[in-house]
Amino acid sequence: MHLTDAEKKYLTSHPHHAFAIRAAKDKAFAETVTRFSRNGRNDKSDAFRHCYWTALLARDIGHANAQRFTTAHESDPNNPANEKSMDLHNNAVGLSIGLSMADDAKLSQQCMNALLAGRLQVITP
């Protein structure tokens, strides 16, 4: 996993979150494949993955820490502005969903419901 400088800085000050962050990433990638048969880029699968990953993090490491880390994740200067905007929006939806403290399946369904309701952003339909 390629880490941005901001992610490395976060993990230096929060090393105890490294396992939870990695576990949430792995769950989000696997759940996205289950639901969409792929982990796409800028499409519905990408929007769902960001939402679900961030919801898991909000539940597991707290809302503020999840927001800090996922924002750090989008800090790569080579990240195109429209992709960064999309990802930050979908992360924000995931942060609010994660506040429910629901189990993995419910968080996944809540992110899917957000996608179906048009609350998540995509660049490529």
Protein backbone atom coordinates (compact mmCIF):
# COMPACT_ATOMS: atom_id res chain seq x y z
CA MET A 1 0.00 0.00 0.00
CA HIS A 2 1.46 3.34 -1.08
CA LEU A 3 1.19 5.90 1.73
CA THR A 4 1.19 9.64 1.24
CA ASP A 5 3.50 11.75 3.40
CA ALA A 6 0.46 12.89 5.38
CA GLU A 7 -0.60 9.27 6.01
CA LYS A 8 2.91 8.42 7.20
CA LYS A 9 2.83 11.40 9.55
CA TYR A 10 -0.55 10.32 10.92
CA LEU A 11 0.64 6.74 11.49
CA THR A 12 3.80 7.98 13.21
CA SER A 13 1.64 9.69 15.81
CA HIS A 14 -1.06 6.96 15.86
CA PRO A 15 0.78 3.66 15.28
CA HIS A 16 -1.91 1.77 17.20
CA HIS A 17 -4.36 2.57 14.37
CA ALA A 18 -2.30 0.90 11.65
CA PHE A 19 -3.91 -2.52 12.03
CA ALA A 20 -7.48 -1.13 12.07
CA ILE A 21 -6.78 1.02 9.00
CA ARG A 22 -5.36 -1.92 7.07
CA ALA A 23 -8.18 -4.24 8.16
CA ALA A 24 -10.81 -1.69 7.10
CA LYS A 25 -9.10 -1.24 3.72
CA ASP A 26 -9.05 -5.00 3.14
CA LYS A 27 -12.74 -5.33 4.13
CA ALA A 28 -13.72 -2.43 1.88
CA PHE A 29 -11.88 -3.87 -1.13
CA ALA A 30 -13.37 -7.33 -0.57
CA GLU A 31 -16.92 -6.03 -0.05
CA THR A 32 -16.64 -3.89 -3.17
CA VAL A 33 -15.66 -6.93 -5.24
CA THR A 34 -18.57 -8.86 -3.72
CA ARG A 35 -21.05 -6.13 -4.63
CA PHE A 36 -19.62 -4.91 -7.96
CA SER A 37 -17.25 -7.69 -9.17
CA ARG A 38 -14.45 -5.11 -9.33
CA ASN A 39 -12.74 -2.21 -7.59
CA GLY A 40 -13.10 0.46 -10.24
CA ARG A 41 -11.91 4.03 -10.40
CA ASN A 42 -14.23 7.04 -10.32
CA ASP A 43 -17.30 4.84 -10.72
CA LYS A 44 -20.00 3.50 -8.42
CA SER A 45 -17.70 0.80 -7.04
CA ASP A 46 -15.10 3.44 -6.14
CA ALA A 47 -17.73 5.65 -4.48
CA PHE A 48 -19.04 2.70 -2.46
CA ARG A 49 -15.53 1.58 -1.45
CA HIS A 50 -14.61 5.02 -0.13
CA CYS A 51 -17.88 5.31 1.77
CA TYR A 52 -17.58 1.86 3.32
CA TRP A 53 -13.87 2.17 4.18
CA THR A 54 -14.46 5.48 5.90
CA ALA A 55 -17.56 4.21 7.73
CA LEU A 56 -15.53 1.29 9.10
CA LEU A 57 -12.76 3.67 10.18
CA ALA A 58 -15.18 6.09 11.83
CA ARG A 59 -16.58 3.22 13.85
CA ASP A 60 -13.23 1.59 14.66
CA ILE A 61 -10.84 4.52 15.28
CA GLY A 62 -13.33 7.34 15.85
CA HIS A 63 -14.85 10.01 13.63
CA ALA A 64 -12.09 12.62 14.06
CA ASN A 65 -9.26 10.15 13.48
CA ALA A 66 -11.00 8.64 10.46
CA GLN A 67 -11.49 12.10 9.00
CA ARG A 68 -7.83 12.97 9.56
CA PHE A 69 -6.55 9.75 8.00
CA THR A 70 -8.86 9.67 5.00
CA THR A 71 -8.11 13.33 4.27
CA ALA A 72 -4.40 12.48 4.52
CA HIS A 73 -5.04 9.64 2.07
CA GLU A 74 -6.30 12.14 -0.51
CA SER A 75 -3.37 14.54 -0.03
CA ASP A 76 -1.16 13.22 -2.83
CA PRO A 77 -0.31 16.26 -5.00
CA ASN A 78 -0.71 14.08 -8.11
CA ASN A 79 -4.31 13.27 -7.19
CA PRO A 80 -6.52 15.01 -9.82
CA ALA A 81 -8.76 17.67 -8.26
CA ASN A 82 -12.03 16.13 -9.45
CA GLU A 83 -11.06 12.70 -8.08
CA LYS A 84 -9.99 14.22 -4.76
CA SER A 85 -13.28 16.10 -4.52
CA MET A 86 -15.28 12.95 -5.29
CA ASP A 87 -13.36 10.88 -2.76
CA LEU A 88 -13.58 13.50 0.00
CA HIS A 89 -17.33 13.79 -0.56
CA ASN A 90 -17.83 10.01 -0.39
CA ASN A 91 -15.59 9.83 2.66
CA ALA A 92 -17.75 12.47 4.38
CA VAL A 93 -20.86 10.36 3.75
CA GLY A 94 -19.02 7.34 5.16
CA LEU A 95 -18.00 9.31 8.25
CA SER A 96 -21.62 10.11 9.01
CA ILE A 97 -22.68 6.50 8.41
CA GLY A 98 -19.91 5.23 10.69
CA LEU A 99 -21.36 7.21 13.59
CA SER A 100 -24.13 4.60 13.77
CA MET A 101 -21.54 2.16 15.17
CA ALA A 102 -23.30 -0.60 13.23
CA ASP A 103 -21.77 -3.94 12.33
CA ASP A 104 -19.94 -4.47 9.03
CA ALA A 105 -22.99 -5.73 7.13
CA LYS A 106 -25.16 -2.80 8.20
CA LEU A 107 -22.46 -0.25 7.37
CA SER A 108 -22.08 -1.85 3.95
CA GLN A 109 -25.83 -1.72 3.35
CA GLN A 110 -26.03 1.89 4.52
CA CYS A 111 -23.29 2.85 2.03
CA MET A 112 -25.08 0.94 -0.72
CA ASN A 113 -28.32 2.73 0.19
CA ALA A 114 -26.46 6.07 0.01
CA LEU A 115 -25.19 5.16 -3.46
CA LEU A 116 -28.64 4.10 -4.68
CA ALA A 117 -30.17 7.30 -3.26
CA GLY A 118 -27.69 9.44 -5.18
CA ARG A 119 -25.84 10.67 -2.09
CA LEU A 120 -22.46 9.42 -3.34
CA GLN A 121 -20.57 11.12 -6.15
CA VAL A 122 -19.15 9.42 -9.22
CA ILE A 123 -17.21 10.81 -12.17
CA THR A 124 -17.76 7.86 -14.50
CA PRO A 125 -21.34 6.47 -14.42
